[in-house]
């Protein structure tokens, strides 16, 4: 791991009631980020970190905290992060921001049951505007959250360009992207560049690619506490994600069960 690389974290929802790996309780989020604040990390948005990296002015300990999907519970992170001096980067699925319908795609649709349905409520434009005023960056997570590696070229372009255009029209700018399901291939990354994004990130355990339009992240959940959190954040743990052993494990593991075979 090079010293100029920022620590980029990936979260989803912020909830103590939702018993899902996608949710981190507020108390745990505060604890996780407090550890990094005490270590002297400087908070940046994803686009800021990418600009600083290209200009050679990235602080020695830089932290980028990202949230995927746009769950309404994400707003609970804002006061915690403001208190610690960290901005957030939030990637939203514009179809749901526009319609207000519950978030729904393969991998989370099982949570649409009555007892957990409210956890899938999306953020709307007024809430995103408020987060932007807190200093958060609002980026794209596409129009409808398909597996981009499985869609044709026409839909790939539409998912990336229309979501960026919609966010720009409502909030004034959109320069960053998070790939749905955390994965992208060379074709997807190339289209992200043609669509005008300056920074984009993946979310996989193995960090096999690290470039401006495919920056790896460390995904954290409510289970990441104590020694487990320390290992996740350690230089040893971060180097391990790029090792030949992790590459082999990835090859042997096969396709994740929750990944859709084709887009809907």
C-alpha atoms as a PDB file:
ATOM      1  CA  UNK A   1       0.000   0.000   0.000  1.00  0.00           C
ATOM      2  CA  UNK A   2       1.437   3.373  -1.007  1.00  0.00           C
ATOM      3  CA  UNK A   3       1.381   6.150   1.638  1.00  0.00           C
ATOM      4  CA  UNK A   4      -0.513   8.554  -0.649  1.00  0.00           C
ATOM      5  CA  UNK A   5      -3.512   6.239  -0.983  1.00  0.00           C
ATOM      6  CA  UNK A   6      -6.604   7.327   0.973  1.00  0.00           C
ATOM      7  CA  UNK A   7      -8.602   4.981   3.142  1.00  0.00           C
ATOM      8  CA  UNK A   8     -11.954   4.616   1.350  1.00  0.00           C
ATOM      9  CA  UNK A   9     -14.804   3.057   3.329  1.00  0.00           C
ATOM     10  CA  UNK A  10     -18.100   1.737   1.992  1.00  0.00           C
ATOM     11  CA  UNK A  11     -21.364   1.724   3.961  1.00  0.00           C
ATOM     12  CA  UNK A  12     -25.029   1.402   3.060  1.00  0.00           C
ATOM     13  CA  UNK A  13     -27.851   2.035   5.548  1.00  0.00           C
ATOM     14  CA  UNK A  14     -27.555   3.463   9.090  1.00  0.00           C
ATOM     15  CA  UNK A  15     -29.995   1.599  11.324  1.00  0.00           C
ATOM     16  CA  UNK A  16     -30.010  -0.253  14.639  1.00  0.00           C
ATOM     17  CA  UNK A  17     -33.338  -1.939  13.855  1.00  0.00           C
ATOM     18  CA  UNK A  18     -32.512  -3.526  10.503  1.00  0.00           C
ATOM     19  CA  UNK A  19     -30.770  -6.874  11.036  1.00  0.00           C
ATOM     20  CA  UNK A  20     -28.943  -6.826   7.734  1.00  0.00           C
ATOM     21  CA  UNK A  21     -25.279  -6.699   6.766  1.00  0.00           C
ATOM     22  CA  UNK A  22     -26.217  -3.588   4.822  1.00  0.00           C
ATOM     23  CA  UNK A  23     -26.998  -1.671   8.023  1.00  0.00           C
ATOM     24  CA  UNK A  24     -24.642  -0.196  10.605  1.00  0.00           C
ATOM     25  CA  UNK A  25     -26.074   1.106  13.909  1.00  0.00           C
ATOM     26  CA  UNK A  26     -25.392   4.754  14.683  1.00  0.00           C
ATOM     27  CA  UNK A  27     -23.425   3.858  17.812  1.00  0.00           C
ATOM     28  CA  UNK A  28     -21.162   1.527  15.851  1.00  0.00           C
ATOM     29  CA  UNK A  29     -20.650   4.046  13.044  1.00  0.00           C
ATOM     30  CA  UNK A  30     -19.664   6.662  15.592  1.00  0.00           C
ATOM     31  CA  UNK A  31     -17.228   4.261  17.233  1.00  0.00           C
ATOM     32  CA  UNK A  32     -15.660   3.236  13.918  1.00  0.00           C
ATOM     33  CA  UNK A  33     -15.144   6.794  12.731  1.00  0.00           C
ATOM     34  CA  UNK A  34     -13.974   8.019  16.131  1.00  0.00           C
ATOM     35  CA  UNK A  35     -11.079   5.552  15.921  1.00  0.00           C
ATOM     36  CA  UNK A  36      -9.989   7.179  12.670  1.00  0.00           C
ATOM     37  CA  UNK A  37     -10.512  10.725  13.920  1.00  0.00           C
ATOM     38  CA  UNK A  38      -8.249   9.970  16.889  1.00  0.00           C
ATOM     39  CA  UNK A  39      -5.622   8.673  14.494  1.00  0.00           C
ATOM     40  CA  UNK A  40      -5.591  12.028  12.729  1.00  0.00           C
ATOM     41  CA  UNK A  41      -7.359  11.143   9.508  1.00  0.00           C
ATOM     42  CA  UNK A  42      -8.491  14.033   7.313  1.00  0.00           C
ATOM     43  CA  UNK A  43     -11.916  13.646   5.718  1.00  0.00           C
ATOM     44  CA  UNK A  44     -12.428  14.207   1.980  1.00  0.00           C
ATOM     45  CA  UNK A  45     -15.142  13.436  -0.530  1.00  0.00           C
ATOM     46  CA  UNK A  46     -14.279  10.906  -3.221  1.00  0.00           C
ATOM     47  CA  UNK A  47     -13.867  13.591  -5.884  1.00  0.00           C
ATOM     48  CA  UNK A  48     -11.714  15.735  -3.585  1.00  0.00           C
ATOM     49  CA  UNK A  49      -9.480  12.774  -2.814  1.00  0.00           C
ATOM     50  CA  UNK A  50      -9.064  11.991  -6.491  1.00  0.00           C
ATOM     51  CA  UNK A  51      -8.186  15.605  -7.309  1.00  0.00           C
ATOM     52  CA  UNK A  52      -5.711  15.842  -4.442  1.00  0.00           C
ATOM     53  CA  UNK A  53      -4.158  12.537  -5.456  1.00  0.00           C
ATOM     54  CA  UNK A  54      -3.651  13.697  -9.052  1.00  0.00           C
ATOM     55  CA  UNK A  55      -2.170  16.998  -7.854  1.00  0.00           C
ATOM     56  CA  UNK A  56       0.167  15.283  -5.387  1.00  0.00           C
ATOM     57  CA  UNK A  57      -1.315  17.103  -2.365  1.00  0.00           C
ATOM     58  CA  UNK A  58      -3.206  14.266  -0.679  1.00  0.00           C
ATOM     59  CA  UNK A  59      -2.800  14.458   3.120  1.00  0.00           C
ATOM     60  CA  UNK A  60      -0.786  11.551   4.606  1.00  0.00           C
ATOM     61  CA  UNK A  61      -3.874  10.177   6.353  1.00  0.00           C
ATOM     62  CA  UNK A  62      -6.917  10.749   4.165  1.00  0.00           C
ATOM     63  CA  UNK A  63     -10.353   9.246   4.743  1.00  0.00           C
ATOM     64  CA  UNK A  64     -13.253   8.962   2.292  1.00  0.00           C
ATOM     65  CA  UNK A  65     -16.553   7.746   3.794  1.00  0.00           C
ATOM     66  CA  UNK A  66     -19.057   6.584   1.204  1.00  0.00           C
ATOM     67  CA  UNK A  67     -22.650   5.335   1.347  1.00  0.00           C
ATOM     68  CA  UNK A  68     -24.357   3.396  -1.444  1.00  0.00           C
ATOM     69  CA  UNK A  69     -27.981   3.169  -2.600  1.00  0.00           C
ATOM     70  CA  UNK A  70     -29.543   6.222  -0.903  1.00  0.00           C
ATOM     71  CA  UNK A  71     -31.455   4.724   2.026  1.00  0.00           C
ATOM     72  CA  UNK A  72     -33.373   7.370   3.954  1.00  0.00           C
ATOM     73  CA  UNK A  73     -31.551   6.270   7.111  1.00  0.00           C
ATOM     74  CA  UNK A  74     -28.286   7.597   5.688  1.00  0.00           C
ATOM     75  CA  UNK A  75     -29.159  11.050   7.055  1.00  0.00           C
ATOM     76  CA  UNK A  76     -28.462   9.698  10.550  1.00  0.00           C
ATOM     77  CA  UNK A  77     -24.785   9.639   9.665  1.00  0.00           C
ATOM     78  CA  UNK A  78     -24.608  13.367   8.897  1.00  0.00           C
ATOM     79  CA  UNK A  79     -24.500  14.806  12.460  1.00  0.00           C
ATOM     80  CA  UNK A  80     -22.083  12.097  13.600  1.00  0.00           C
ATOM     81  CA  UNK A  81     -19.698  12.823  10.761  1.00  0.00           C
ATOM     82  CA  UNK A  82     -20.031  16.584  11.110  1.00  0.00           C
ATOM     83  CA  UNK A  83     -19.074  16.278  14.771  1.00  0.00           C
ATOM     84  CA  UNK A  84     -15.944  14.341  13.768  1.00  0.00           C
ATOM     85  CA  UNK A  85     -15.127  16.661  10.869  1.00  0.00           C
ATOM     86  CA  UNK A  86     -15.729  14.160   8.066  1.00  0.00           C
ATOM     87  CA  UNK A  87     -17.818  14.820   4.928  1.00  0.00           C
ATOM     88  CA  UNK A  88     -19.669  11.981   3.245  1.00  0.00           C
ATOM     89  CA  UNK A  89     -20.028  10.803  -0.330  1.00  0.00           C
ATOM     90  CA  UNK A  90     -23.450   9.379  -1.104  1.00  0.00           C
ATOM     91  CA  UNK A  91     -24.305   7.463  -4.273  1.00  0.00           C
ATOM     92  CA  UNK A  92     -27.988   7.450  -5.179  1.00  0.00           C
ATOM     93  CA  UNK A  93     -30.167   5.505  -7.614  1.00  0.00           C
ATOM     94  CA  UNK A  94     -32.014   8.302  -9.360  1.00  0.00           C
ATOM     95  CA  UNK A  95     -35.127   6.343 -10.398  1.00  0.00           C
ATOM     96  CA  UNK A  96     -36.041   5.931  -6.722  1.00  0.00           C
ATOM     97  CA  UNK A  97     -35.070   9.462  -5.705  1.00  0.00           C
ATOM     98  CA  UNK A  98     -37.470  10.712  -8.368  1.00  0.00           C
ATOM     99  CA  UNK A  99     -40.375   8.331  -7.682  1.00  0.00           C
ATOM    100  CA  UNK A 100     -40.107   7.877  -3.920  1.00  0.00           C
ATOM    101  CA  UNK A 101     -40.818   4.160  -4.345  1.00  0.00           C
ATOM    102  CA  UNK A 102     -39.077   1.736  -1.999  1.00  0.00           C
ATOM    103  CA  UNK A 103     -35.642   0.663  -3.180  1.00  0.00           C
ATOM    104  CA  UNK A 104     -35.963  -2.675  -4.936  1.00  0.00           C
ATOM    105  CA  UNK A 105     -33.551  -4.830  -6.943  1.00  0.00           C
ATOM    106  CA  UNK A 106     -32.152  -8.379  -6.701  1.00  0.00           C
ATOM    107  CA  UNK A 107     -30.199  -8.632  -3.468  1.00  0.00           C
ATOM    108  CA  UNK A 108     -32.450  -6.405  -1.334  1.00  0.00           C
ATOM    109  CA  UNK A 109     -35.948  -7.274  -2.559  1.00  0.00           C
ATOM    110  CA  UNK A 110     -36.374  -9.869   0.196  1.00  0.00           C
ATOM    111  CA  UNK A 111     -36.498  -6.980   2.690  1.00  0.00           C
ATOM    112  CA  UNK A 112     -39.737  -5.635   1.199  1.00  0.00           C
ATOM    113  CA  UNK A 113     -41.693  -7.624   3.800  1.00  0.00           C
ATOM    114  CA  UNK A 114     -43.922  -5.491   6.016  1.00  0.00           C
ATOM    115  CA  UNK A 115     -41.615  -5.538   9.051  1.00  0.00           C
ATOM    116  CA  UNK A 116     -38.559  -4.235   7.173  1.00  0.00           C
ATOM    117  CA  UNK A 117     -40.138  -2.344   4.263  1.00  0.00           C
ATOM    118  CA  UNK A 118     -39.522   1.082   5.762  1.00  0.00           C
ATOM    119  CA  UNK A 119     -35.773   0.433   5.777  1.00  0.00           C
ATOM    120  CA  UNK A 120     -35.910   0.610   1.974  1.00  0.00           C
ATOM    121  CA  UNK A 121     -37.356   4.107   1.780  1.00  0.00           C
ATOM    122  CA  UNK A 122     -35.166   6.284  -0.458  1.00  0.00           C
ATOM    123  CA  UNK A 123     -33.850   9.746   0.156  1.00  0.00           C
ATOM    124  CA  UNK A 124     -35.613  12.451  -1.886  1.00  0.00           C
ATOM    125  CA  UNK A 125     -34.215  15.631  -3.423  1.00  0.00           C
ATOM    126  CA  UNK A 126     -34.845  17.956  -0.431  1.00  0.00           C
ATOM    127  CA  UNK A 127     -32.890  15.577   1.815  1.00  0.00           C
ATOM    128  CA  UNK A 128     -30.076  15.316  -0.703  1.00  0.00           C
ATOM    129  CA  UNK A 129     -29.951  19.102  -0.960  1.00  0.00           C
ATOM    130  CA  UNK A 130     -29.637  19.274   2.843  1.00  0.00           C
ATOM    131  CA  UNK A 131     -26.786  16.764   2.825  1.00  0.00           C
ATOM    132  CA  UNK A 132     -25.031  18.772   0.124  1.00  0.00           C
ATOM    133  CA  UNK A 133     -25.290  21.801   2.412  1.00  0.00           C
ATOM    134  CA  UNK A 134     -23.551  19.710   5.111  1.00  0.00           C
ATOM    135  CA  UNK A 135     -20.638  19.375   2.665  1.00  0.00           C
ATOM    136  CA  UNK A 136     -21.537  15.958   1.335  1.00  0.00           C
ATOM    137  CA  UNK A 137     -20.901  14.929  -2.256  1.00  0.00           C
ATOM    138  CA  UNK A 138     -23.863  13.371  -4.062  1.00  0.00           C
ATOM    139  CA  UNK A 139     -22.773  10.930  -6.741  1.00  0.00           C
ATOM    140  CA  UNK A 140     -24.446   8.445  -9.043  1.00  0.00           C
ATOM    141  CA  UNK A 141     -25.327   4.815  -8.394  1.00  0.00           C
ATOM    142  CA  UNK A 142     -27.001   4.674 -11.840  1.00  0.00           C
ATOM    143  CA  UNK A 143     -30.660   5.085 -12.795  1.00  0.00           C
ATOM    144  CA  UNK A 144     -32.006   1.691 -11.666  1.00  0.00           C
ATOM    145  CA  UNK A 145     -29.134  -0.325 -10.095  1.00  0.00           C
ATOM    146  CA  UNK A 146     -28.523  -3.054 -12.710  1.00  0.00           C
ATOM    147  CA  UNK A 147     -25.432  -5.227 -12.817  1.00  0.00           C
ATOM    148  CA  UNK A 148     -23.587  -3.105 -15.354  1.00  0.00           C
ATOM    149  CA  UNK A 149     -21.305  -5.890 -16.549  1.00  0.00           C
ATOM    150  CA  UNK A 150     -24.417  -7.772 -17.745  1.00  0.00           C
ATOM    151  CA  UNK A 151     -26.237  -5.008 -19.663  1.00  0.00           C
ATOM    152  CA  UNK A 152     -25.771  -4.094 -23.321  1.00  0.00           C
ATOM    153  CA  UNK A 153     -23.860  -1.003 -24.439  1.00  0.00           C
ATOM    154  CA  UNK A 154     -26.974   1.098 -24.991  1.00  0.00           C
ATOM    155  CA  UNK A 155     -28.360   0.534 -21.508  1.00  0.00           C
ATOM    156  CA  UNK A 156     -24.928   0.909 -19.931  1.00  0.00           C
ATOM    157  CA  UNK A 157     -24.586   4.355 -21.470  1.00  0.00           C
ATOM    158  CA  UNK A 158     -28.124   5.337 -20.474  1.00  0.00           C
ATOM    159  CA  UNK A 159     -27.713   4.205 -16.852  1.00  0.00           C
ATOM    160  CA  UNK A 160     -24.507   6.223 -16.437  1.00  0.00           C
ATOM    161  CA  UNK A 161     -25.352   9.337 -18.453  1.00  0.00           C
ATOM    162  CA  UNK A 162     -28.968   9.858 -17.401  1.00  0.00           C
ATOM    163  CA  UNK A 163     -28.269   9.451 -13.698  1.00  0.00           C
ATOM    164  CA  UNK A 164     -25.397  11.922 -13.870  1.00  0.00           C
ATOM    165  CA  UNK A 165     -27.505  14.408 -15.854  1.00  0.00           C
ATOM    166  CA  UNK A 166     -30.403  14.139 -13.398  1.00  0.00           C
ATOM    167  CA  UNK A 167     -28.233  14.758 -10.339  1.00  0.00           C
ATOM    168  CA  UNK A 168     -26.435  17.635 -12.054  1.00  0.00           C
ATOM    169  CA  UNK A 169     -29.738  19.257 -12.995  1.00  0.00           C
ATOM    170  CA  UNK A 170     -31.042  19.045  -9.420  1.00  0.00           C
ATOM    171  CA  UNK A 171     -27.890  19.644  -7.370  1.00  0.00           C
ATOM    172  CA  UNK A 172     -25.530  21.449  -9.726  1.00  0.00           C
ATOM    173  CA  UNK A 173     -22.855  18.772 -10.140  1.00  0.00           C
ATOM    174  CA  UNK A 174     -22.201  15.042 -10.291  1.00  0.00           C
ATOM    175  CA  UNK A 175     -18.641  13.879 -10.873  1.00  0.00           C
ATOM    176  CA  UNK A 176     -18.482  10.573  -8.985  1.00  0.00           C
ATOM    177  CA  UNK A 177     -19.949   7.109  -9.409  1.00  0.00           C
ATOM    178  CA  UNK A 178     -20.311   3.874  -7.459  1.00  0.00           C
ATOM    179  CA  UNK A 179     -20.860   0.729  -9.494  1.00  0.00           C
ATOM    180  CA  UNK A 180     -23.980  -1.269  -8.531  1.00  0.00           C
ATOM    181  CA  UNK A 181     -23.083  -4.493  -6.712  1.00  0.00           C
ATOM    182  CA  UNK A 182     -19.591  -3.026  -6.424  1.00  0.00           C
ATOM    183  CA  UNK A 183     -18.302  -4.531  -9.662  1.00  0.00           C
ATOM    184  CA  UNK A 184     -17.104  -3.222 -13.015  1.00  0.00           C
ATOM    185  CA  UNK A 185     -15.063  -4.509 -15.932  1.00  0.00           C
ATOM    186  CA  UNK A 186     -12.981  -2.662 -18.516  1.00  0.00           C
ATOM    187  CA  UNK A 187     -15.991  -1.940 -20.729  1.00  0.00           C
ATOM    188  CA  UNK A 188     -17.950  -0.418 -17.834  1.00  0.00           C
ATOM    189  CA  UNK A 189     -15.005   1.644 -16.604  1.00  0.00           C
ATOM    190  CA  UNK A 190     -14.365   2.991 -20.105  1.00  0.00           C
ATOM    191  CA  UNK A 191     -17.998   4.056 -20.461  1.00  0.00           C
ATOM    192  CA  UNK A 192     -17.859   5.771 -17.067  1.00  0.00           C
ATOM    193  CA  UNK A 193     -15.038   7.915 -18.417  1.00  0.00           C
ATOM    194  CA  UNK A 194     -16.918   8.730 -21.605  1.00  0.00           C
ATOM    195  CA  UNK A 195     -19.972   9.629 -19.517  1.00  0.00           C
ATOM    196  CA  UNK A 196     -18.043  12.389 -17.758  1.00  0.00           C
ATOM    197  CA  UNK A 197     -17.222  10.944 -14.351  1.00  0.00           C
ATOM    198  CA  UNK A 198     -13.944  11.945 -12.749  1.00  0.00           C
ATOM    199  CA  UNK A 199     -13.936   9.352  -9.977  1.00  0.00           C
ATOM    200  CA  UNK A 200     -15.622   5.986  -9.461  1.00  0.00           C
ATOM    201  CA  UNK A 201     -15.366   3.153  -6.976  1.00  0.00           C
ATOM    202  CA  UNK A 202     -15.915  -0.559  -6.647  1.00  0.00           C
ATOM    203  CA  UNK A 203     -16.727  -2.600  -3.522  1.00  0.00           C
ATOM    204  CA  UNK A 204     -15.165  -6.063  -3.493  1.00  0.00           C
ATOM    205  CA  UNK A 205     -13.102  -7.933  -0.918  1.00  0.00           C
ATOM    206  CA  UNK A 206     -10.230  -8.498  -3.346  1.00  0.00           C
ATOM    207  CA  UNK A 207      -8.665  -5.216  -4.478  1.00  0.00           C
ATOM    208  CA  UNK A 208      -7.424  -6.296  -7.893  1.00  0.00           C
ATOM    209  CA  UNK A 209      -7.855  -2.964  -9.684  1.00  0.00           C
ATOM    210  CA  UNK A 210      -6.997   0.509  -8.391  1.00  0.00           C
ATOM    211  CA  UNK A 211      -7.334   3.412 -10.826  1.00  0.00           C
ATOM    212  CA  UNK A 212      -9.275   6.706 -10.909  1.00  0.00           C
ATOM    213  CA  UNK A 213     -12.459   5.185 -12.337  1.00  0.00           C
ATOM    214  CA  UNK A 214     -12.264   1.998 -10.268  1.00  0.00           C
ATOM    215  CA  UNK A 215     -11.017   2.789  -6.769  1.00  0.00           C
ATOM    216  CA  UNK A 216     -11.436  -0.052  -4.258  1.00  0.00           C
ATOM    217  CA  UNK A 217     -13.212   0.412  -0.943  1.00  0.00           C
ATOM    218  CA  UNK A 218     -13.311  -1.428   2.363  1.00  0.00           C
ATOM    219  CA  UNK A 219     -16.888  -2.355   3.186  1.00  0.00           C
ATOM    220  CA  UNK A 220     -17.823  -1.999   6.862  1.00  0.00           C
ATOM    221  CA  UNK A 221     -20.914  -3.171   8.719  1.00  0.00           C
ATOM    222  CA  UNK A 222     -22.185  -3.350  12.280  1.00  0.00           C
ATOM    223  CA  UNK A 223     -20.064  -6.473  12.851  1.00  0.00           C
ATOM    224  CA  UNK A 224     -16.817  -4.547  12.405  1.00  0.00           C
ATOM    225  CA  UNK A 225     -15.763  -3.780  15.962  1.00  0.00           C
ATOM    226  CA  UNK A 226     -12.731  -4.339  18.159  1.00  0.00           C
ATOM    227  CA  UNK A 227     -10.098  -6.645  16.694  1.00  0.00           C
ATOM    228  CA  UNK A 228     -12.106  -7.240  13.539  1.00  0.00           C
ATOM    229  CA  UNK A 229     -12.240  -3.497  12.844  1.00  0.00           C
ATOM    230  CA  UNK A 230      -8.553  -3.121  13.645  1.00  0.00           C
ATOM    231  CA  UNK A 231      -7.692  -5.813  11.098  1.00  0.00           C
ATOM    232  CA  UNK A 232      -9.973  -4.296   8.465  1.00  0.00           C
ATOM    233  CA  UNK A 233      -8.268  -0.918   8.803  1.00  0.00           C
ATOM    234  CA  UNK A 234      -4.699  -2.131   9.291  1.00  0.00           C
ATOM    235  CA  UNK A 235      -2.028  -1.839   6.617  1.00  0.00           C
ATOM    236  CA  UNK A 236      -1.568  -5.614   6.857  1.00  0.00           C
ATOM    237  CA  UNK A 237      -5.263  -6.211   6.196  1.00  0.00           C
ATOM    238  CA  UNK A 238      -5.320  -3.750   3.329  1.00  0.00           C
ATOM    239  CA  UNK A 239      -2.238  -5.308   1.709  1.00  0.00           C
ATOM    240  CA  UNK A 240      -3.813  -8.733   2.115  1.00  0.00           C
ATOM    241  CA  UNK A 241      -6.719  -7.707  -0.093  1.00  0.00           C
ATOM    242  CA  UNK A 242      -4.261  -7.366  -2.978  1.00  0.00           C
ATOM    243  CA  UNK A 243      -2.307 -10.559  -2.363  1.00  0.00           C
ATOM    244  CA  UNK A 244      -2.060 -13.589  -4.633  1.00  0.00           C
ATOM    245  CA  UNK A 245      -3.874 -15.611  -1.962  1.00  0.00           C
ATOM    246  CA  UNK A 246      -6.924 -13.352  -2.142  1.00  0.00           C
ATOM    247  CA  UNK A 247      -6.887 -13.596  -5.921  1.00  0.00           C
ATOM    248  CA  UNK A 248      -6.974 -17.393  -5.623  1.00  0.00           C
ATOM    249  CA  UNK A 249      -9.782 -17.303  -3.056  1.00  0.00           C
ATOM    250  CA  UNK A 250     -11.776 -15.036  -5.361  1.00  0.00           C
ATOM    251  CA  UNK A 251     -11.325 -17.440  -8.284  1.00  0.00           C
ATOM    252  CA  UNK A 252     -12.340 -20.454  -6.211  1.00  0.00           C
ATOM    253  CA  UNK A 253     -15.325 -18.793  -4.570  1.00  0.00           C
ATOM    254  CA  UNK A 254     -17.236 -18.358  -7.815  1.00  0.00           C
ATOM    255  CA  UNK A 255     -20.214 -16.127  -8.393  1.00  0.00           C
ATOM    256  CA  UNK A 256     -21.906 -14.502  -5.410  1.00  0.00           C
ATOM    257  CA  UNK A 257     -25.418 -15.865  -4.885  1.00  0.00           C
ATOM    258  CA  UNK A 258     -26.963 -12.399  -4.627  1.00  0.00           C
ATOM    259  CA  UNK A 259     -25.529 -11.156  -7.935  1.00  0.00           C
ATOM    260  CA  UNK A 260     -28.165 -11.183 -10.691  1.00  0.00           C
ATOM    261  CA  UNK A 261     -27.186 -13.206 -13.747  1.00  0.00           C
ATOM    262  CA  UNK A 262     -28.653 -10.526 -16.019  1.00  0.00           C
ATOM    263  CA  UNK A 263     -30.068  -7.080 -15.433  1.00  0.00           C
ATOM    264  CA  UNK A 264     -33.798  -6.602 -14.915  1.00  0.00           C
END
